[in-house]
């Protein structure tokens, strides 16, 4: 399921009109599970840490685009 949501999220990264409430608060439960945005954030950051070896404490200044380049 996470791979399906991740693919969908990647296809919407340039969409400035994405539905934040659907991704984070489950306002569209038939399409996007509750808290999917938080789960995907954890998934993306975990993949970045595993691939780069950078500890979480040093990610505060990493640009969002770098996370997408790794996943």
C-alpha atoms as a PDB file:
ATOM      1  CA  UNK A   1       0.000   0.000   0.000  1.00  0.00           C
ATOM      2  CA  UNK A   2       2.808   2.429   0.844  1.00  0.00           C
ATOM      3  CA  UNK A   3       4.293   2.022  -2.638  1.00  0.00           C
ATOM      4  CA  UNK A   4       0.955   2.916  -4.253  1.00  0.00           C
ATOM      5  CA  UNK A   5       0.580   5.997  -2.067  1.00  0.00           C
ATOM      6  CA  UNK A   6       4.207   6.965  -2.653  1.00  0.00           C
ATOM      7  CA  UNK A   7       3.740   6.786  -6.429  1.00  0.00           C
ATOM      8  CA  UNK A   8       0.569   8.844  -6.199  1.00  0.00           C
ATOM      9  CA  UNK A   9       2.299  11.411  -3.999  1.00  0.00           C
ATOM     10  CA  UNK A  10       5.208  11.719  -6.429  1.00  0.00           C
ATOM     11  CA  UNK A  11       2.792  12.353  -9.283  1.00  0.00           C
ATOM     12  CA  UNK A  12       1.259  15.211  -7.277  1.00  0.00           C
ATOM     13  CA  UNK A  13       4.415  16.918  -5.984  1.00  0.00           C
ATOM     14  CA  UNK A  14       4.117  19.809  -8.442  1.00  0.00           C
ATOM     15  CA  UNK A  15       0.378  20.251  -7.828  1.00  0.00           C
ATOM     16  CA  UNK A  16      -0.041  23.490  -5.871  1.00  0.00           C
ATOM     17  CA  UNK A  17      -3.729  22.667  -5.350  1.00  0.00           C
ATOM     18  CA  UNK A  18      -3.270  19.273  -3.695  1.00  0.00           C
ATOM     19  CA  UNK A  19      -5.756  18.447  -0.948  1.00  0.00           C
ATOM     20  CA  UNK A  20      -3.748  18.781   2.258  1.00  0.00           C
ATOM     21  CA  UNK A  21      -6.680  17.701   4.418  1.00  0.00           C
ATOM     22  CA  UNK A  22      -7.084  14.498   2.428  1.00  0.00           C
ATOM     23  CA  UNK A  23      -3.407  13.563   2.725  1.00  0.00           C
ATOM     24  CA  UNK A  24      -3.031  14.424   6.411  1.00  0.00           C
ATOM     25  CA  UNK A  25      -6.485  14.300   8.000  1.00  0.00           C
ATOM     26  CA  UNK A  26      -8.343  11.636   6.038  1.00  0.00           C
ATOM     27  CA  UNK A  27     -11.105  13.752   4.484  1.00  0.00           C
ATOM     28  CA  UNK A  28     -11.141  11.353   1.500  1.00  0.00           C
ATOM     29  CA  UNK A  29     -10.893   7.972   3.274  1.00  0.00           C
ATOM     30  CA  UNK A  30     -11.898   5.989   0.171  1.00  0.00           C
ATOM     31  CA  UNK A  31      -8.935   7.412  -1.768  1.00  0.00           C
ATOM     32  CA  UNK A  32      -6.281   8.289   0.814  1.00  0.00           C
ATOM     33  CA  UNK A  33      -6.050   6.693   4.279  1.00  0.00           C
ATOM     34  CA  UNK A  34      -6.064   8.814   7.422  1.00  0.00           C
ATOM     35  CA  UNK A  35      -2.627  10.304   8.158  1.00  0.00           C
ATOM     36  CA  UNK A  36      -1.121   9.069   4.882  1.00  0.00           C
ATOM     37  CA  UNK A  37       0.937  12.259   4.584  1.00  0.00           C
ATOM     38  CA  UNK A  38       2.624  11.649   7.917  1.00  0.00           C
ATOM     39  CA  UNK A  39       3.278   8.007   7.048  1.00  0.00           C
ATOM     40  CA  UNK A  40       4.790   8.985   3.701  1.00  0.00           C
ATOM     41  CA  UNK A  41       6.973  11.608   5.360  1.00  0.00           C
ATOM     42  CA  UNK A  42       8.358   9.002   7.725  1.00  0.00           C
ATOM     43  CA  UNK A  43       8.855   6.573   4.825  1.00  0.00           C
ATOM     44  CA  UNK A  44      10.710   9.128   2.681  1.00  0.00           C
ATOM     45  CA  UNK A  45      12.968  10.338   5.484  1.00  0.00           C
ATOM     46  CA  UNK A  46      13.742   6.755   6.535  1.00  0.00           C
ATOM     47  CA  UNK A  47      14.748   5.865   2.979  1.00  0.00           C
ATOM     48  CA  UNK A  48      16.961   8.955   2.811  1.00  0.00           C
ATOM     49  CA  UNK A  49      18.662   8.109   6.107  1.00  0.00           C
ATOM     50  CA  UNK A  50      19.236   4.486   5.065  1.00  0.00           C
ATOM     51  CA  UNK A  51      20.661   5.460   1.695  1.00  0.00           C
ATOM     52  CA  UNK A  52      22.851   8.392   2.774  1.00  0.00           C
ATOM     53  CA  UNK A  53      23.735   7.386   6.330  1.00  0.00           C
ATOM     54  CA  UNK A  54      22.941  10.909   7.496  1.00  0.00           C
ATOM     55  CA  UNK A  55      21.592  10.943  11.057  1.00  0.00           C
ATOM     56  CA  UNK A  56      18.163  12.517  11.593  1.00  0.00           C
ATOM     57  CA  UNK A  57      19.748  15.192  13.802  1.00  0.00           C
ATOM     58  CA  UNK A  58      21.583  16.537  10.723  1.00  0.00           C
ATOM     59  CA  UNK A  59      18.626  16.736   8.342  1.00  0.00           C
ATOM     60  CA  UNK A  60      17.333  20.126   9.466  1.00  0.00           C
ATOM     61  CA  UNK A  61      18.865  21.974   6.503  1.00  0.00           C
ATOM     62  CA  UNK A  62      18.357  19.376   3.755  1.00  0.00           C
ATOM     63  CA  UNK A  63      16.103  20.694   0.987  1.00  0.00           C
ATOM     64  CA  UNK A  64      12.929  18.755   0.196  1.00  0.00           C
ATOM     65  CA  UNK A  65      14.147  18.119  -3.341  1.00  0.00           C
ATOM     66  CA  UNK A  66      17.081  16.096  -2.006  1.00  0.00           C
ATOM     67  CA  UNK A  67      14.690  13.687  -0.313  1.00  0.00           C
ATOM     68  CA  UNK A  68      12.801  13.165  -3.572  1.00  0.00           C
ATOM     69  CA  UNK A  69      16.047  12.620  -5.476  1.00  0.00           C
ATOM     70  CA  UNK A  70      16.882   9.661  -3.201  1.00  0.00           C
ATOM     71  CA  UNK A  71      13.459   7.958  -3.106  1.00  0.00           C
END
